[in-house]
C-alpha atoms as a PDB file:
ATOM      1  CA  MET A   1       7.471   4.761 -11.530  1.00  0.00           C
ATOM      2  CA  TYR A   2       6.359   8.293 -12.478  1.00  0.00           C
ATOM      3  CA  GLY A   3       6.164   7.680 -16.198  1.00  0.00           C
ATOM      4  CA  SER A   4       7.421  10.587 -18.295  1.00  0.00           C
ATOM      5  CA  SER A   5       7.370  13.157 -15.489  1.00  0.00           C
ATOM      6  CA  GLU A   6      11.160  13.598 -15.363  1.00  0.00           C
ATOM      7  CA  SER A   7      11.281  14.293 -19.089  1.00  0.00           C
ATOM      8  CA  VAL A   8       8.307  16.654 -18.877  1.00  0.00           C
ATOM      9  CA  VAL A   9      10.005  18.645 -16.101  1.00  0.00           C
ATOM     10  CA  GLY A  10      13.268  18.818 -18.023  1.00  0.00           C
ATOM     11  CA  ASP A  11      11.626  19.777 -21.322  1.00  0.00           C
ATOM     12  CA  LEU A  12       9.402  22.459 -19.778  1.00  0.00           C
ATOM     13  CA  ALA A  13      12.213  23.951 -17.694  1.00  0.00           C
ATOM     14  CA  ALA A  14      14.366  24.216 -20.804  1.00  0.00           C
ATOM     15  CA  ALA A  15      11.567  25.644 -22.958  1.00  0.00           C
ATOM     16  CA  LEU A  16      10.693  28.281 -20.353  1.00  0.00           C
ATOM     17  CA  GLY A  17      14.326  29.075 -19.542  1.00  0.00           C
ATOM     18  CA  ILE A  18      13.824  28.540 -15.813  1.00  0.00           C
ATOM     19  CA  ALA A  19      15.972  25.475 -15.133  1.00  0.00           C
ATOM     20  CA  GLY A  20      18.405  27.438 -12.992  1.00  0.00           C
ATOM     21  CA  ARG A  21      15.573  28.725 -10.790  1.00  0.00           C
ATOM     22  CA  LEU A  22      14.125  25.317  -9.939  1.00  0.00           C
ATOM     23  CA  PHE A  23      15.038  22.935  -7.136  1.00  0.00           C
ATOM     24  CA  MET A  24      15.434  19.666  -9.038  1.00  0.00           C
ATOM     25  CA  ALA A  25      14.692  16.517  -7.054  1.00  0.00           C
ATOM     26  CA  THR A  26      14.106  12.891  -7.943  1.00  0.00           C
ATOM     27  CA  LYS A  27      14.647   9.358  -6.621  1.00  0.00           C
ATOM     28  CA  VAL A  28      16.573   6.195  -7.286  1.00  0.00           C
ATOM     29  CA  TRP A  29      14.432   3.081  -6.938  1.00  0.00           C
ATOM     30  CA  THR A  30      16.247  -0.089  -7.919  1.00  0.00           C
ATOM     31  CA  SER A  31      18.606  -2.705  -6.490  1.00  0.00           C
ATOM     32  CA  GLY A  32      22.300  -2.981  -7.215  1.00  0.00           C
ATOM     33  CA  ARG A  33      25.099  -0.447  -7.620  1.00  0.00           C
ATOM     34  CA  GLU A  34      25.309  -0.434 -11.412  1.00  0.00           C
ATOM     35  CA  ALA A  35      21.529  -0.414 -11.840  1.00  0.00           C
ATOM     36  CA  GLY A  36      21.330   2.532  -9.467  1.00  0.00           C
ATOM     37  CA  ILE A  37      23.992   4.447 -11.358  1.00  0.00           C
ATOM     38  CA  ARG A  38      22.241   3.808 -14.683  1.00  0.00           C
ATOM     39  CA  GLN A  39      18.893   4.946 -13.306  1.00  0.00           C
ATOM     40  CA  MET A  40      20.324   8.117 -11.804  1.00  0.00           C
ATOM     41  CA  GLU A  41      22.272   8.967 -14.955  1.00  0.00           C
ATOM     42  CA  GLU A  42      19.023   8.598 -16.905  1.00  0.00           C
ATOM     43  CA  SER A  43      17.326  11.006 -14.494  1.00  0.00           C
ATOM     44  CA  PHE A  44      20.073  13.571 -15.128  1.00  0.00           C
ATOM     45  CA  LEU A  45      19.532  13.272 -18.866  1.00  0.00           C
ATOM     46  CA  ARG A  46      15.742  13.427 -18.688  1.00  0.00           C
ATOM     47  CA  MET A  47      15.709  16.410 -16.358  1.00  0.00           C
ATOM     48  CA  ARG A  48      18.499  18.103 -18.334  1.00  0.00           C
ATOM     49  CA  VAL A  49      20.708  18.870 -15.358  1.00  0.00           C
ATOM     50  CA  THR A  50      24.401  18.480 -14.669  1.00  0.00           C
ATOM     51  CA  ARG A  51      23.804  18.727 -10.922  1.00  0.00           C
ATOM     52  CA  MET A  52      20.781  17.332  -9.098  1.00  0.00           C
ATOM     53  CA  ASP A  53      19.655  19.369  -6.100  1.00  0.00           C
ATOM     54  CA  LEU A  54      18.272  16.315  -4.309  1.00  0.00           C
ATOM     55  CA  MET A  55      18.645  12.602  -5.011  1.00  0.00           C
ATOM     56  CA  GLN A  56      16.588  10.376  -2.727  1.00  0.00           C
ATOM     57  CA  ILE A  57      16.582   6.626  -2.144  1.00  0.00           C
ATOM     58  CA  HIS A  58      12.940   5.667  -2.612  1.00  0.00           C
ATOM     59  CA  ASN A  59      11.368   3.448   0.066  1.00  0.00           C
ATOM     60  CA  LEU A  60      14.878   2.773   1.423  1.00  0.00           C
ATOM     61  CA  LEU A  61      15.400   0.226  -1.372  1.00  0.00           C
ATOM     62  CA  ASP A  62      18.972  -1.123  -1.205  1.00  0.00           C
ATOM     63  CA  TRP A  63      20.097   2.049   0.563  1.00  0.00           C
ATOM     64  CA  LYS A  64      23.344   0.528   1.806  1.00  0.00           C
ATOM     65  CA  THR A  65      24.397  -0.058  -1.802  1.00  0.00           C
ATOM     66  CA  HIS A  66      23.346   3.358  -3.093  1.00  0.00           C
ATOM     67  CA  LEU A  67      24.727   5.443  -0.217  1.00  0.00           C
ATOM     68  CA  PRO A  68      28.417   5.237  -1.264  1.00  0.00           C
ATOM     69  CA  THR A  69      27.490   6.374  -4.784  1.00  0.00           C
ATOM     70  CA  LEU A  70      25.444   9.278  -3.445  1.00  0.00           C
ATOM     71  CA  LYS A  71      28.270  10.337  -1.133  1.00  0.00           C
ATOM     72  CA  GLN A  72      30.788  10.151  -3.959  1.00  0.00           C
ATOM     73  CA  TRP A  73      28.572  12.151  -6.318  1.00  0.00           C
ATOM     74  CA  LYS A  74      27.852  14.736  -3.620  1.00  0.00           C
ATOM     75  CA  GLN A  75      31.573  15.186  -2.957  1.00  0.00           C
ATOM     76  CA  ALA A  76      32.113  15.605  -6.699  1.00  0.00           C
ATOM     77  CA  GLY A  77      29.371  18.251  -6.885  1.00  0.00           C
ATOM     78  CA  ARG A  78      26.957  16.219  -9.003  1.00  0.00           C
ATOM     79  CA  ILE A  79      24.426  16.045  -6.148  1.00  0.00           C
ATOM     80  CA  ARG A  80      23.679  18.889  -3.778  1.00  0.00           C
ATOM     81  CA  TYR A  81      21.683  16.946  -1.168  1.00  0.00           C
ATOM     82  CA  THR A  82      20.885  13.291  -0.454  1.00  0.00           C
ATOM     83  CA  GLY A  83      17.722  11.851   1.033  1.00  0.00           C
ATOM     84  CA  ILE A  84      15.662   8.822   2.034  1.00  0.00           C
ATOM     85  CA  THR A  85      11.922   8.309   1.642  1.00  0.00           C
ATOM     86  CA  HIS A  86       9.019   6.145   2.693  1.00  0.00           C
ATOM     87  CA  TYR A  87       5.255   6.414   2.624  1.00  0.00           C
ATOM     88  CA  HIS A  88       3.832   4.766   5.765  1.00  0.00           C
ATOM     89  CA  SER A  89       4.411   4.935   9.503  1.00  0.00           C
ATOM     90  CA  GLY A  90       5.609   1.333   9.663  1.00  0.00           C
ATOM     91  CA  ALA A  91       8.945   2.565   8.312  1.00  0.00           C
ATOM     92  CA  TYR A  92       9.417   5.324  10.893  1.00  0.00           C
ATOM     93  CA  SER A  93      11.734   3.265  13.114  1.00  0.00           C
ATOM     94  CA  GLU A  94      14.090   2.580  10.222  1.00  0.00           C
ATOM     95  CA  LEU A  95      13.957   6.198   9.063  1.00  0.00           C
ATOM     96  CA  GLU A  96      14.795   7.318  12.591  1.00  0.00           C
ATOM     97  CA  ARG A  97      17.747   4.938  12.763  1.00  0.00           C
ATOM     98  CA  LEU A  98      19.159   6.290   9.508  1.00  0.00           C
ATOM     99  CA  MET A  99      18.529   9.911  10.488  1.00  0.00           C
ATOM    100  CA  LYS A 100      20.597   9.368  13.627  1.00  0.00           C
ATOM    101  CA  MET A 101      23.483   8.276  11.398  1.00  0.00           C
ATOM    102  CA  ARG A 102      23.430  11.820   9.929  1.00  0.00           C
ATOM    103  CA  GLU A 103      24.338  10.500   6.493  1.00  0.00           C
ATOM    104  CA  PHE A 104      21.322  12.038   4.715  1.00  0.00           C
ATOM    105  CA  ASP A 105      20.307  15.683   4.298  1.00  0.00           C
ATOM    106  CA  PHE A 106      16.595  15.074   3.655  1.00  0.00           C
ATOM    107  CA  VAL A 107      13.966  12.644   4.892  1.00  0.00           C
ATOM    108  CA  GLN A 108      10.551  12.181   3.270  1.00  0.00           C
ATOM    109  CA  PHE A 109       7.553  10.489   4.902  1.00  0.00           C
ATOM    110  CA  ASN A 110       3.768  10.629   5.247  1.00  0.00           C
ATOM    111  CA  TYR A 111       2.058  13.038   7.631  1.00  0.00           C
ATOM    112  CA  SER A 112      -1.379  14.626   7.760  1.00  0.00           C
ATOM    113  CA  ILE A 113      -3.793  16.283  10.146  1.00  0.00           C
ATOM    114  CA  VAL A 114      -5.374  12.865  10.833  1.00  0.00           C
ATOM    115  CA  GLU A 115      -2.171  10.777  10.617  1.00  0.00           C
ATOM    116  CA  ARG A 116      -0.060  12.422  13.271  1.00  0.00           C
ATOM    117  CA  GLU A 117       2.300   9.640  14.380  1.00  0.00           C
ATOM    118  CA  ALA A 118       5.242  11.610  12.987  1.00  0.00           C
ATOM    119  CA  GLU A 119       4.752  14.268  15.656  1.00  0.00           C
ATOM    120  CA  GLN A 120       5.782  11.831  18.378  1.00  0.00           C
ATOM    121  CA  ARG A 121       9.375  11.085  17.387  1.00  0.00           C
ATOM    122  CA  ILE A 122      10.371  11.570  13.787  1.00  0.00           C
ATOM    123  CA  LEU A 123       9.616  15.293  13.416  1.00  0.00           C
ATOM    124  CA  PRO A 124      11.388  16.208  16.684  1.00  0.00           C
ATOM    125  CA  LEU A 125      14.331  14.058  15.580  1.00  0.00           C
ATOM    126  CA  ALA A 126      14.521  15.958  12.297  1.00  0.00           C
ATOM    127  CA  GLN A 127      14.835  19.194  14.254  1.00  0.00           C
ATOM    128  CA  GLU A 128      17.480  17.653  16.500  1.00  0.00           C
ATOM    129  CA  THR A 129      19.582  16.335  13.618  1.00  0.00           C
ATOM    130  CA  GLY A 130      19.036  19.270  11.264  1.00  0.00           C
ATOM    131  CA  THR A 131      17.435  17.024   8.642  1.00  0.00           C
ATOM    132  CA  ALA A 132      15.205  18.726   6.086  1.00  0.00           C
ATOM    133  CA  VAL A 133      11.689  17.243   5.881  1.00  0.00           C
ATOM    134  CA  ILE A 134       9.502  16.571   2.840  1.00  0.00           C
ATOM    135  CA  ILE A 135       5.958  15.425   3.582  1.00  0.00           C
ATOM    136  CA  ASN A 136       4.078  13.069   1.262  1.00  0.00           C
ATOM    137  CA  ARG A 137       0.416  11.941   1.384  1.00  0.00           C
ATOM    138  CA  PRO A 138      -0.680  15.177   3.124  1.00  0.00           C
ATOM    139  CA  PHE A 139      -4.327  14.472   2.314  1.00  0.00           C
ATOM    140  CA  ALA A 140      -4.211  10.894   3.687  1.00  0.00           C
ATOM    141  CA  GLN A 141      -4.648   9.536   0.163  1.00  0.00           C
ATOM    142  CA  ALA A 142      -7.462  12.019  -0.512  1.00  0.00           C
ATOM    143  CA  SER A 143      -9.565  10.587   2.341  1.00  0.00           C
ATOM    144  CA  LEU A 144      -9.603  13.974   4.075  1.00  0.00           C
ATOM    145  CA  PHE A 145     -11.784  15.493   1.389  1.00  0.00           C
ATOM    146  CA  ALA A 146     -14.410  12.796   1.890  1.00  0.00           C
ATOM    147  CA  ARG A 147     -14.636  13.816   5.549  1.00  0.00           C
ATOM    148  CA  VAL A 148     -15.405  17.439   4.739  1.00  0.00           C
ATOM    149  CA  ARG A 149     -17.547  17.010   1.622  1.00  0.00           C
ATOM    150  CA  GLY A 150     -20.405  19.512   1.670  1.00  0.00           C
ATOM    151  CA  LYS A 151     -18.840  21.546   4.479  1.00  0.00           C
ATOM    152  CA  GLN A 152     -16.945  24.844   4.480  1.00  0.00           C
ATOM    153  CA  PRO A 153     -13.727  25.482   6.418  1.00  0.00           C
ATOM    154  CA  PRO A 154     -14.339  27.153   9.797  1.00  0.00           C
ATOM    155  CA  GLU A 155     -14.534  30.941   9.733  1.00  0.00           C
ATOM    156  CA  TRP A 156     -11.491  31.249  11.981  1.00  0.00           C
ATOM    157  CA  ALA A 157      -9.347  29.671   9.223  1.00  0.00           C
ATOM    158  CA  ALA A 158      -9.263  33.133   7.646  1.00  0.00           C
ATOM    159  CA  GLU A 159      -7.004  34.192  10.534  1.00  0.00           C
ATOM    160  CA  PHE A 160      -4.139  32.334   8.839  1.00  0.00           C
ATOM    161  CA  ASP A 161      -5.099  33.199   5.244  1.00  0.00           C
ATOM    162  CA  CYS A 162      -6.877  29.924   4.514  1.00  0.00           C
ATOM    163  CA  SER A 163      -9.776  29.829   2.064  1.00  0.00           C
ATOM    164  CA  SER A 164     -10.157  26.132   1.173  1.00  0.00           C
ATOM    165  CA  TRP A 165      -9.956  22.694   2.744  1.00  0.00           C
ATOM    166  CA  GLY A 166      -6.840  21.866   0.722  1.00  0.00           C
ATOM    167  CA  GLN A 167      -5.100  24.907   2.162  1.00  0.00           C
ATOM    168  CA  PHE A 168      -6.390  24.016   5.646  1.00  0.00           C
ATOM    169  CA  PHE A 169      -4.797  20.562   5.500  1.00  0.00           C
ATOM    170  CA  LEU A 170      -1.543  21.811   3.971  1.00  0.00           C
ATOM    171  CA  LYS A 171      -1.125  24.783   6.304  1.00  0.00           C
ATOM    172  CA  TYR A 172      -1.506  22.446   9.274  1.00  0.00           C
ATOM    173  CA  ILE A 173       1.569  20.588   8.052  1.00  0.00           C
ATOM    174  CA  LEU A 174       3.527  23.648   6.944  1.00  0.00           C
ATOM    175  CA  GLY A 175       2.957  25.202  10.362  1.00  0.00           C
ATOM    176  CA  HIS A 176       5.139  22.554  11.996  1.00  0.00           C
ATOM    177  CA  PRO A 177       8.644  24.020  12.446  1.00  0.00           C
ATOM    178  CA  ALA A 178      10.385  20.824  11.306  1.00  0.00           C
ATOM    179  CA  VAL A 179       8.661  20.706   7.897  1.00  0.00           C
ATOM    180  CA  THR A 180      10.569  22.026   4.891  1.00  0.00           C
ATOM    181  CA  CYS A 181       7.969  21.399   2.187  1.00  0.00           C
ATOM    182  CA  VAL A 182       4.944  19.319   1.258  1.00  0.00           C
ATOM    183  CA  ILE A 183       4.378  17.423  -2.002  1.00  0.00           C
ATOM    184  CA  PRO A 184       0.648  16.979  -2.642  1.00  0.00           C
ATOM    185  CA  ALA A 185      -0.071  15.032  -5.810  1.00  0.00           C
ATOM    186  CA  THR A 186      -2.621  16.207  -8.350  1.00  0.00           C
ATOM    187  CA  ALA A 187      -3.303  16.067 -12.071  1.00  0.00           C
ATOM    188  CA  LYS A 188      -5.679  19.044 -12.007  1.00  0.00           C
ATOM    189  CA  PRO A 189      -4.314  22.581 -12.594  1.00  0.00           C
ATOM    190  CA  ASP A 190      -6.965  24.241 -10.408  1.00  0.00           C
ATOM    191  CA  HIS A 191      -6.026  21.954  -7.514  1.00  0.00           C
ATOM    192  CA  LEU A 192      -2.354  22.749  -8.131  1.00  0.00           C
ATOM    193  CA  LEU A 193      -3.011  26.489  -7.850  1.00  0.00           C
ATOM    194  CA  ASP A 194      -5.084  26.039  -4.703  1.00  0.00           C
ATOM    195  CA  ASN A 195      -2.377  23.887  -3.131  1.00  0.00           C
ATOM    196  CA  MET A 196       0.285  26.481  -3.907  1.00  0.00           C
ATOM    197  CA  LEU A 197      -1.726  29.159  -2.115  1.00  0.00           C
ATOM    198  CA  ALA A 198      -1.183  27.201   1.103  1.00  0.00           C
ATOM    199  CA  GLY A 199       2.426  28.363   0.941  1.00  0.00           C
ATOM    200  CA  THR A 200       1.430  32.035   0.969  1.00  0.00           C
ATOM    201  CA  GLY A 201       0.236  34.290   3.761  1.00  0.00           C
ATOM    202  CA  LYS A 202       0.235  33.353   7.431  1.00  0.00           C
ATOM    203  CA  LEU A 203       0.776  29.883   8.844  1.00  0.00           C
ATOM    204  CA  PRO A 204      -0.929  28.581  11.989  1.00  0.00           C
ATOM    205  CA  ASP A 205       1.013  28.611  15.245  1.00  0.00           C
ATOM    206  CA  GLU A 206       1.097  25.566  17.517  1.00  0.00           C
ATOM    207  CA  LYS A 207      -1.989  26.569  19.470  1.00  0.00           C
ATOM    208  CA  THR A 208      -3.942  27.017  16.238  1.00  0.00           C
ATOM    209  CA  ARG A 209      -2.646  23.722  14.861  1.00  0.00           C
ATOM    210  CA  GLN A 210      -4.006  21.922  17.918  1.00  0.00           C
ATOM    211  CA  ARG A 211      -7.340  23.636  17.365  1.00  0.00           C
ATOM    212  CA  MET A 212      -7.320  22.485  13.741  1.00  0.00           C
ATOM    213  CA  ALA A 213      -6.590  18.881  14.687  1.00  0.00           C
ATOM    214  CA  LEU A 214      -9.333  18.885  17.332  1.00  0.00           C
ATOM    215  CA  TYR A 215     -11.778  20.362  14.806  1.00  0.00           C
ATOM    216  CA  MET A 216     -11.090  17.485  12.399  1.00  0.00           C
ATOM    217  CA  GLN A 217     -11.491  14.914  15.184  1.00  0.00           C
ATOM    218  CA  ASN A 218     -14.945  16.264  15.973  1.00  0.00           C
ATOM    219  CA  LEU A 219     -16.264  16.288  12.402  1.00  0.00           C
END
């Protein structure tokens, strides 16, 4: 579903000699045991790894079938961590049910400063179960930028080393203690660099995060 991205990552990591310094993660997204094995083996080849740091079951597709394979490969040292993913809040109940089983190391779901349903149950549950959290769709499918077009971030954003709206939205998420990392999507190098700056400097505390959310509500 991501075209040649696995191969690009593998080729670049090899060319730059940095493969051992990267956290390699991908997904299986197919039905059936043998189809899942074939797809995952292909990911290993494309990304040029003998051990995958994180293998996730995308959108929970046929997770009951894939879970035994993931557990077997993890025990054998081929996979470091296992995970489950989804992209909308309608799947939160199922994600919560699986998290309570404590079979998966990572959970990935959508969360943003204007889509805060995850704060009610799923983020606290991740803290309770010790599940690492990856956040997708942090910009609410880019709709956040339409809200702030022509405006500058508030001056007080400088208090937590924030100099752009992208960093504002990402630091809100990264400031939550349950969040491990965020995966904003972009095809533009300048956006990539700006996004990465959100992971540097100070992060907002809970009081500041509430102020940020209220600020967005009032725009």
